[in-house]
Amino acid sequence: MTIRVMPKGLEVNLDKLKKKIIEKLKEVVEGEVGFKKQPIAFGLNALDLTLIVPEDKGSLVEETLSGIKGVQTVNVQSVSLV
């Protein structure tokens, strides 16, 4: 599963946001979460996450990420079966 997390603005520290994401998802995700900083516009960057999630917990991941302080939007980019 690949998910794009958009921060609320330029003032959001992406390194701190990564740590919060890892902390919140460690009970749901199998294995490690891959992160890639994706430039959007005017200095704003998104985080693209690559992770393995049980099929029945996909929506839980979205809800969990949406509840993190500093996150504006969470969009599923792709889903595939392993």
N, C-alpha and C. Protein backbone atom coordinates (compact mmCIF):
# COMPACT_ATOMS: atom_id res chain seq x y z
N MET A 1 0.85 -1.17 0.00
CA MET A 1 0.00 0.00 0.00
C MET A 1 0.90 1.23 0.00
N THR A 2 0.57 2.19 -0.84
CA THR A 2 1.29 3.46 -0.87
C THR A 2 0.31 4.57 -0.51
N ILE A 3 0.73 5.40 0.44
CA ILE A 3 -0.13 6.47 0.94
C ILE A 3 0.64 7.78 0.91
N ARG A 4 -0.02 8.85 0.47
CA ARG A 4 0.58 10.19 0.50
C ARG A 4 0.00 10.95 1.68
N VAL A 5 0.89 11.45 2.53
CA VAL A 5 0.51 12.25 3.69
C VAL A 5 0.94 13.69 3.42
N MET A 6 -0.05 14.58 3.41
CA MET A 6 0.23 16.01 3.21
C MET A 6 0.25 16.70 4.57
N PRO A 7 1.34 17.42 4.86
CA PRO A 7 1.38 18.18 6.11
C PRO A 7 0.49 19.42 6.01
N LYS A 8 0.17 20.00 7.17
CA LYS A 8 -0.70 21.18 7.20
C LYS A 8 -0.02 22.41 6.61
N GLY A 9 1.29 22.43 6.55
CA GLY A 9 1.98 23.59 5.99
C GLY A 9 3.49 23.42 6.05
N LEU A 10 4.18 24.46 5.61
CA LEU A 10 5.64 24.45 5.58
C LEU A 10 6.26 24.35 6.97
N GLU A 11 5.52 24.81 7.98
CA GLU A 11 6.06 24.83 9.34
C GLU A 11 6.12 23.45 9.99
N VAL A 12 5.48 22.45 9.39
CA VAL A 12 5.48 21.09 9.95
C VAL A 12 6.83 20.44 9.67
N ASN A 13 7.51 20.00 10.73
CA ASN A 13 8.80 19.33 10.61
C ASN A 13 8.55 17.89 10.15
N LEU A 14 9.01 17.54 8.95
CA LEU A 14 8.74 16.21 8.39
C LEU A 14 9.44 15.10 9.16
N ASP A 15 10.61 15.38 9.74
CA ASP A 15 11.30 14.35 10.52
C ASP A 15 10.50 14.00 11.77
N LYS A 16 9.96 15.01 12.44
CA LYS A 16 9.12 14.75 13.62
C LYS A 16 7.83 14.05 13.21
N LEU A 17 7.29 14.43 12.07
CA LEU A 17 6.07 13.81 11.57
C LEU A 17 6.31 12.33 11.28
N LYS A 18 7.46 12.00 10.70
CA LYS A 18 7.82 10.59 10.44
C LYS A 18 7.82 9.79 11.73
N LYS A 19 8.43 10.34 12.77
CA LYS A 19 8.50 9.64 14.06
C LYS A 19 7.11 9.40 14.63
N LYS A 20 6.23 10.39 14.52
CA LYS A 20 4.85 10.23 14.99
C LYS A 20 4.13 9.14 14.21
N ILE A 21 4.35 9.11 12.89
CA ILE A 21 3.71 8.11 12.04
C ILE A 21 4.17 6.72 12.42
N ILE A 22 5.47 6.54 12.60
CA ILE A 22 6.01 5.22 12.98
C ILE A 22 5.41 4.78 14.31
N GLU A 23 5.36 5.68 15.27
CA GLU A 23 4.82 5.37 16.60
C GLU A 23 3.36 4.93 16.52
N LYS A 24 2.56 5.66 15.75
CA LYS A 24 1.13 5.36 15.66
C LYS A 24 0.84 4.08 14.87
N LEU A 25 1.67 3.78 13.87
CA LEU A 25 1.37 2.65 12.99
C LEU A 25 2.01 1.33 13.40
N LYS A 26 2.86 1.33 14.43
CA LYS A 26 3.59 0.10 14.74
C LYS A 26 2.69 -1.07 15.15
N GLU A 27 1.47 -0.79 15.61
CA GLU A 27 0.55 -1.87 15.98
C GLU A 27 -0.23 -2.40 14.78
N VAL A 28 -0.28 -1.65 13.70
CA VAL A 28 -1.11 -2.00 12.55
C VAL A 28 -0.29 -2.56 11.39
N VAL A 29 0.90 -2.03 11.19
CA VAL A 29 1.71 -2.35 10.02
C VAL A 29 2.60 -3.56 10.26
N GLU A 30 2.73 -4.39 9.24
CA GLU A 30 3.64 -5.53 9.30
C GLU A 30 4.96 -5.11 8.68
N GLY A 31 6.04 -5.15 9.46
CA GLY A 31 7.35 -4.75 8.95
C GLY A 31 7.55 -3.25 9.06
N GLU A 32 8.53 -2.77 8.30
CA GLU A 32 8.89 -1.36 8.36
C GLU A 32 8.08 -0.52 7.39
N VAL A 33 8.02 0.76 7.69
CA VAL A 33 7.36 1.72 6.82
C VAL A 33 8.44 2.43 6.01
N GLY A 34 8.27 2.45 4.69
CA GLY A 34 9.20 3.18 3.83
C GLY A 34 8.71 4.60 3.63
N PHE A 35 9.62 5.56 3.69
CA PHE A 35 9.27 6.97 3.52
C PHE A 35 10.03 7.57 2.35
N LYS A 36 9.34 8.42 1.59
CA LYS A 36 9.98 9.18 0.52
C LYS A 36 9.40 10.58 0.55
N LYS A 37 10.29 11.57 0.63
CA LYS A 37 9.84 12.97 0.62
C LYS A 37 9.55 13.35 -0.83
N GLN A 38 8.35 13.84 -1.07
CA GLN A 38 7.90 14.16 -2.43
C GLN A 38 7.63 15.67 -2.53
N PRO A 39 8.44 16.40 -3.33
CA PRO A 39 8.18 17.83 -3.51
C PRO A 39 6.83 18.06 -4.18
N ILE A 40 6.06 19.02 -3.66
CA ILE A 40 4.74 19.33 -4.20
C ILE A 40 4.79 20.68 -4.92
N ALA A 41 4.94 21.77 -4.19
CA ALA A 41 5.02 23.10 -4.79
C ALA A 41 5.44 24.12 -3.74
N PHE A 42 6.16 25.14 -4.19
CA PHE A 42 6.52 26.27 -3.34
C PHE A 42 7.18 25.86 -2.02
N GLY A 43 8.02 24.84 -2.08
CA GLY A 43 8.74 24.38 -0.89
C GLY A 43 7.98 23.39 -0.03
N LEU A 44 6.74 23.10 -0.37
CA LEU A 44 5.95 22.14 0.40
C LEU A 44 6.28 20.72 -0.06
N ASN A 45 6.51 19.84 0.89
CA ASN A 45 6.79 18.44 0.60
C ASN A 45 5.75 17.55 1.26
N ALA A 46 5.43 16.46 0.59
CA ALA A 46 4.55 15.44 1.15
C ALA A 46 5.41 14.25 1.52
N LEU A 47 4.86 13.35 2.32
CA LEU A 47 5.53 12.09 2.62
C LEU A 47 4.77 10.97 1.92
N ASP A 48 5.47 10.22 1.08
CA ASP A 48 4.89 9.03 0.48
C ASP A 48 5.33 7.83 1.31
N LEU A 49 4.37 7.09 1.83
CA LEU A 49 4.64 5.94 2.68
C LEU A 49 4.38 4.66 1.90
N THR A 50 5.28 3.71 2.04
CA THR A 50 5.07 2.38 1.48
C THR A 50 5.05 1.42 2.65
N LEU A 51 3.96 0.64 2.75
CA LEU A 51 3.82 -0.24 3.90
C LEU A 51 3.00 -1.47 3.56
N ILE A 52 3.17 -2.48 4.39
CA ILE A 52 2.40 -3.72 4.25
C ILE A 52 1.38 -3.75 5.38
N VAL A 53 0.11 -3.85 4.98
CA VAL A 53 -0.99 -3.80 5.93
C VAL A 53 -1.93 -4.97 5.65
N PRO A 54 -2.41 -5.66 6.70
CA PRO A 54 -3.43 -6.68 6.47
C PRO A 54 -4.64 -6.06 5.77
N GLU A 55 -5.25 -6.82 4.90
CA GLU A 55 -6.35 -6.32 4.06
C GLU A 55 -7.47 -5.67 4.86
N ASP A 56 -7.77 -6.22 6.03
CA ASP A 56 -8.89 -5.70 6.83
C ASP A 56 -8.54 -4.45 7.63
N LYS A 57 -7.28 -3.99 7.59
CA LYS A 57 -6.88 -2.83 8.39
C LYS A 57 -6.52 -1.60 7.56
N GLY A 58 -6.80 -1.63 6.26
CA GLY A 58 -6.47 -0.50 5.39
C GLY A 58 -7.13 0.80 5.82
N SER A 59 -8.41 0.74 6.14
CA SER A 59 -9.12 1.97 6.55
C SER A 59 -8.65 2.44 7.93
N LEU A 60 -8.23 1.50 8.78
CA LEU A 60 -7.71 1.87 10.10
C LEU A 60 -6.42 2.68 9.95
N VAL A 61 -5.59 2.32 8.98
CA VAL A 61 -4.36 3.07 8.73
C VAL A 61 -4.69 4.50 8.34
N GLU A 62 -5.63 4.67 7.43
CA GLU A 62 -6.03 6.02 7.00
C GLU A 62 -6.56 6.85 8.17
N GLU A 63 -7.42 6.25 8.99
CA GLU A 63 -7.97 6.96 10.15
C GLU A 63 -6.88 7.34 11.13
N THR A 64 -5.95 6.42 11.37
CA THR A 64 -4.85 6.67 12.30
C THR A 64 -3.98 7.83 11.82
N LEU A 65 -3.62 7.81 10.54
CA LEU A 65 -2.78 8.87 9.99
C LEU A 65 -3.50 10.22 10.01
N SER A 66 -4.78 10.22 9.73
CA SER A 66 -5.56 11.47 9.72
C SER A 66 -5.63 12.10 11.10
N GLY A 67 -5.51 11.31 12.14
CA GLY A 67 -5.59 11.81 13.50
C GLY A 67 -4.30 12.36 14.06
N ILE A 68 -3.22 12.30 13.30
CA ILE A 68 -1.92 12.79 13.78
C ILE A 68 -1.85 14.31 13.61
N LYS A 69 -1.40 14.98 14.66
CA LYS A 69 -1.25 16.44 14.62
C LYS A 69 -0.24 16.81 13.54
N GLY A 70 -0.60 17.77 12.70
CA GLY A 70 0.28 18.22 11.63
C GLY A 70 -0.06 17.63 10.27
N VAL A 71 -0.97 16.64 10.25
CA VAL A 71 -1.37 16.01 8.99
C VAL A 71 -2.63 16.70 8.48
N GLN A 72 -2.58 17.14 7.22
CA GLN A 72 -3.77 17.76 6.62
C GLN A 72 -4.61 16.74 5.88
N THR A 73 -3.98 15.98 4.96
CA THR A 73 -4.73 14.98 4.21
C THR A 73 -3.95 13.69 4.10
N VAL A 74 -4.70 12.60 3.90
CA VAL A 74 -4.13 11.26 3.70
C VAL A 74 -4.82 10.68 2.47
N ASN A 75 -4.02 10.34 1.46
CA ASN A 75 -4.57 9.79 0.22
C ASN A 75 -3.89 8.47 -0.13
N VAL A 76 -4.68 7.45 -0.36
CA VAL A 76 -4.14 6.17 -0.81
C VAL A 76 -3.77 6.32 -2.28
N GLN A 77 -2.51 6.07 -2.59
CA GLN A 77 -2.02 6.19 -3.97
C GLN A 77 -2.16 4.87 -4.72
N SER A 78 -1.86 3.76 -4.03
CA SER A 78 -1.98 2.45 -4.68
C SER A 78 -2.12 1.36 -3.63
N VAL A 79 -2.78 0.27 -4.06
CA VAL A 79 -2.96 -0.90 -3.21
C VAL A 79 -2.68 -2.12 -4.07
N SER A 80 -1.92 -3.07 -3.53
CA SER A 80 -1.68 -4.32 -4.25
C SER A 80 -1.64 -5.46 -3.26
N LEU A 81 -1.90 -6.65 -3.74
CA LEU A 81 -1.86 -7.83 -2.89
C LEU A 81 -0.46 -8.41 -2.89
N VAL A 82 -0.05 -8.91 -1.72
CA VAL A 82 1.27 -9.52 -1.59
C VAL A 82 1.13 -11.01 -1.56
